[in-house]
Amino acid sequence: MGIPNHVQVDNAMSFFGSPTHPRGMVPLIRLCLHNGVEPWFVPMSEPWRNGMVESFNDRYQQMFLRKKEMFSLNDLKVGSLEFEQPHNKQISL
């Protein structure tokens, strides 16, 4: 499906540095930047967001990816928007 424009990851030290160098660029960040992918991190002190993302991903997998037959990237884009818009109206974020 190609390389995404951005990727959302946890804010664990393994993703953004170490206690000694908290602003260091670990291999994940280097890989993203080398390929033009913008890494998005869950904000510090908001671990509940991880659960929200994982919950959405589970619903997306079960209610969309497993049920809809797609033959092209455009089918995925259109179908994904058709799923996300009603989903996001129904679930308050």
C-alpha atoms as a PDB file:
ATOM      1  CA  MET A   1       0.000   0.000   0.000  1.00  0.00           C
ATOM      2  CA  GLY A   2       3.036   2.291   0.086  1.00  0.00           C
ATOM      3  CA  ILE A   3       4.616   4.487   2.702  1.00  0.00           C
ATOM      4  CA  PRO A   4       2.296   6.558   4.934  1.00  0.00           C
ATOM      5  CA  ASN A   5       2.619  10.312   5.402  1.00  0.00           C
ATOM      6  CA  HIS A   6       2.685   9.906   9.178  1.00  0.00           C
ATOM      7  CA  VAL A   7       2.765   7.190  11.837  1.00  0.00           C
ATOM      8  CA  GLN A   8       1.465   7.427  15.400  1.00  0.00           C
ATOM      9  CA  VAL A   9       3.466   5.713  18.113  1.00  0.00           C
ATOM     10  CA  ASP A  10       3.599   5.440  21.876  1.00  0.00           C
ATOM     11  CA  ASN A  11       5.698   7.925  23.815  1.00  0.00           C
ATOM     12  CA  ALA A  12       7.864   5.216  25.398  1.00  0.00           C
ATOM     13  CA  MET A  13      11.565   5.971  25.669  1.00  0.00           C
ATOM     14  CA  SER A  14      12.321   3.283  23.084  1.00  0.00           C
ATOM     15  CA  PHE A  15      10.577   5.449  20.478  1.00  0.00           C
ATOM     16  CA  PHE A  16      12.049   8.859  21.183  1.00  0.00           C
ATOM     17  CA  GLY A  17      15.318   8.587  23.087  1.00  0.00           C
ATOM     18  CA  SER A  18      16.587   7.584  26.495  1.00  0.00           C
ATOM     19  CA  PRO A  19      16.574   9.049  30.013  1.00  0.00           C
ATOM     20  CA  THR A  20      20.057  10.437  29.305  1.00  0.00           C
ATOM     21  CA  HIS A  21      19.182  11.807  25.848  1.00  0.00           C
ATOM     22  CA  PRO A  22      15.383  12.284  25.764  1.00  0.00           C
ATOM     23  CA  ARG A  23      15.512  14.208  22.492  1.00  0.00           C
ATOM     24  CA  GLY A  24      17.751  11.692  20.750  1.00  0.00           C
ATOM     25  CA  MET A  25      16.814  10.205  17.408  1.00  0.00           C
ATOM     26  CA  VAL A  26      16.373   6.475  17.732  1.00  0.00           C
ATOM     27  CA  PRO A  27      16.317   4.185  14.659  1.00  0.00           C
ATOM     28  CA  LEU A  28      12.515   4.475  14.308  1.00  0.00           C
ATOM     29  CA  ILE A  29      12.646   8.264  14.012  1.00  0.00           C
ATOM     30  CA  ARG A  30      15.583   8.108  11.629  1.00  0.00           C
ATOM     31  CA  LEU A  31      13.776   5.560   9.459  1.00  0.00           C
ATOM     32  CA  CYS A  32      10.642   7.722   9.378  1.00  0.00           C
ATOM     33  CA  LEU A  33      12.465  10.929   8.526  1.00  0.00           C
ATOM     34  CA  HIS A  34      14.644   9.232   5.913  1.00  0.00           C
ATOM     35  CA  ASN A  35      11.453   8.063   4.145  1.00  0.00           C
ATOM     36  CA  GLY A  36       9.503  11.315   4.523  1.00  0.00           C
ATOM     37  CA  VAL A  37       7.175   9.919   7.214  1.00  0.00           C
ATOM     38  CA  GLU A  38       6.213  12.274  10.052  1.00  0.00           C
ATOM     39  CA  PRO A  39       6.213  10.479  13.430  1.00  0.00           C
ATOM     40  CA  TRP A  40       3.381  11.485  15.769  1.00  0.00           C
ATOM     41  CA  PHE A  41       3.793  10.687  19.454  1.00  0.00           C
ATOM     42  CA  VAL A  42       1.112  10.237  22.068  1.00  0.00           C
ATOM     43  CA  PRO A  43       1.398  13.331  24.303  1.00  0.00           C
ATOM     44  CA  MET A  44       3.282  12.912  27.574  1.00  0.00           C
ATOM     45  CA  SER A  45       1.075  12.281  30.621  1.00  0.00           C
ATOM     46  CA  GLU A  46      -1.822  11.108  28.425  1.00  0.00           C
ATOM     47  CA  PRO A  47      -1.405   7.308  28.303  1.00  0.00           C
ATOM     48  CA  TRP A  48      -5.167   6.854  27.914  1.00  0.00           C
ATOM     49  CA  ARG A  49      -4.762   7.906  24.281  1.00  0.00           C
ATOM     50  CA  ASN A  50      -2.964   4.624  23.554  1.00  0.00           C
ATOM     51  CA  GLY A  51      -6.114   2.769  24.558  1.00  0.00           C
ATOM     52  CA  MET A  52      -8.267   4.976  22.354  1.00  0.00           C
ATOM     53  CA  VAL A  53      -6.038   4.367  19.322  1.00  0.00           C
ATOM     54  CA  GLU A  54      -5.922   0.614  19.965  1.00  0.00           C
ATOM     55  CA  SER A  55      -9.695   0.497  20.441  1.00  0.00           C
ATOM     56  CA  PHE A  56     -10.264   2.312  17.138  1.00  0.00           C
ATOM     57  CA  ASN A  57      -7.818   0.020  15.352  1.00  0.00           C
ATOM     58  CA  ASP A  58      -9.688  -3.045  16.675  1.00  0.00           C
ATOM     59  CA  ARG A  59     -13.065  -1.683  15.512  1.00  0.00           C
ATOM     60  CA  TYR A  60     -11.572  -0.654  12.153  1.00  0.00           C
ATOM     61  CA  GLN A  61     -10.147  -4.141  11.654  1.00  0.00           C
ATOM     62  CA  GLN A  62     -13.334  -5.985  12.680  1.00  0.00           C
ATOM     63  CA  MET A  63     -15.994  -3.705  11.214  1.00  0.00           C
ATOM     64  CA  PHE A  64     -14.255  -2.541   8.050  1.00  0.00           C
ATOM     65  CA  LEU A  65     -11.142  -4.387   6.884  1.00  0.00           C
ATOM     66  CA  ARG A  66     -12.568  -7.863   7.497  1.00  0.00           C
ATOM     67  CA  LYS A  67     -15.973  -7.089   5.982  1.00  0.00           C
ATOM     68  CA  LYS A  68     -15.296  -4.940   2.931  1.00  0.00           C
ATOM     69  CA  GLU A  69     -13.765  -6.323  -0.219  1.00  0.00           C
ATOM     70  CA  MET A  70     -11.307  -3.923  -1.827  1.00  0.00           C
ATOM     71  CA  PHE A  71      -9.475  -4.161  -5.118  1.00  0.00           C
ATOM     72  CA  SER A  72      -7.473  -0.931  -5.199  1.00  0.00           C
ATOM     73  CA  LEU A  73      -5.949   1.765  -3.055  1.00  0.00           C
ATOM     74  CA  ASN A  74      -8.833   4.041  -4.056  1.00  0.00           C
ATOM     75  CA  ASP A  75     -11.337   1.448  -2.744  1.00  0.00           C
ATOM     76  CA  LEU A  76      -9.474   1.534   0.578  1.00  0.00           C
ATOM     77  CA  LYS A  77      -9.434   5.346   0.724  1.00  0.00           C
ATOM     78  CA  VAL A  78     -13.118   5.749  -0.125  1.00  0.00           C
ATOM     79  CA  GLY A  79     -14.256   2.912   2.123  1.00  0.00           C
ATOM     80  CA  SER A  80     -12.093   4.103   4.983  1.00  0.00           C
ATOM     81  CA  LEU A  81     -13.657   7.567   4.880  1.00  0.00           C
ATOM     82  CA  GLU A  82     -17.120   5.997   4.726  1.00  0.00           C
ATOM     83  CA  PHE A  83     -16.283   4.061   7.890  1.00  0.00           C
ATOM     84  CA  GLU A  84     -14.447   6.797   9.801  1.00  0.00           C
ATOM     85  CA  GLN A  85     -16.924   9.657   9.380  1.00  0.00           C
ATOM     86  CA  PRO A  86     -19.962   7.934  10.976  1.00  0.00           C
ATOM     87  CA  HIS A  87     -17.675   6.266  13.524  1.00  0.00           C
ATOM     88  CA  ASN A  88     -16.218   9.562  14.681  1.00  0.00           C
ATOM     89  CA  LYS A  89     -19.665  11.181  14.913  1.00  0.00           C
ATOM     90  CA  GLN A  90     -20.891   8.297  17.057  1.00  0.00           C
ATOM     91  CA  ILE A  91     -17.898   8.116  19.419  1.00  0.00           C
ATOM     92  CA  SER A  92     -17.036  11.309  21.228  1.00  0.00           C
ATOM     93  CA  LEU A  93     -13.275  11.796  21.363  1.00  0.00           C
END
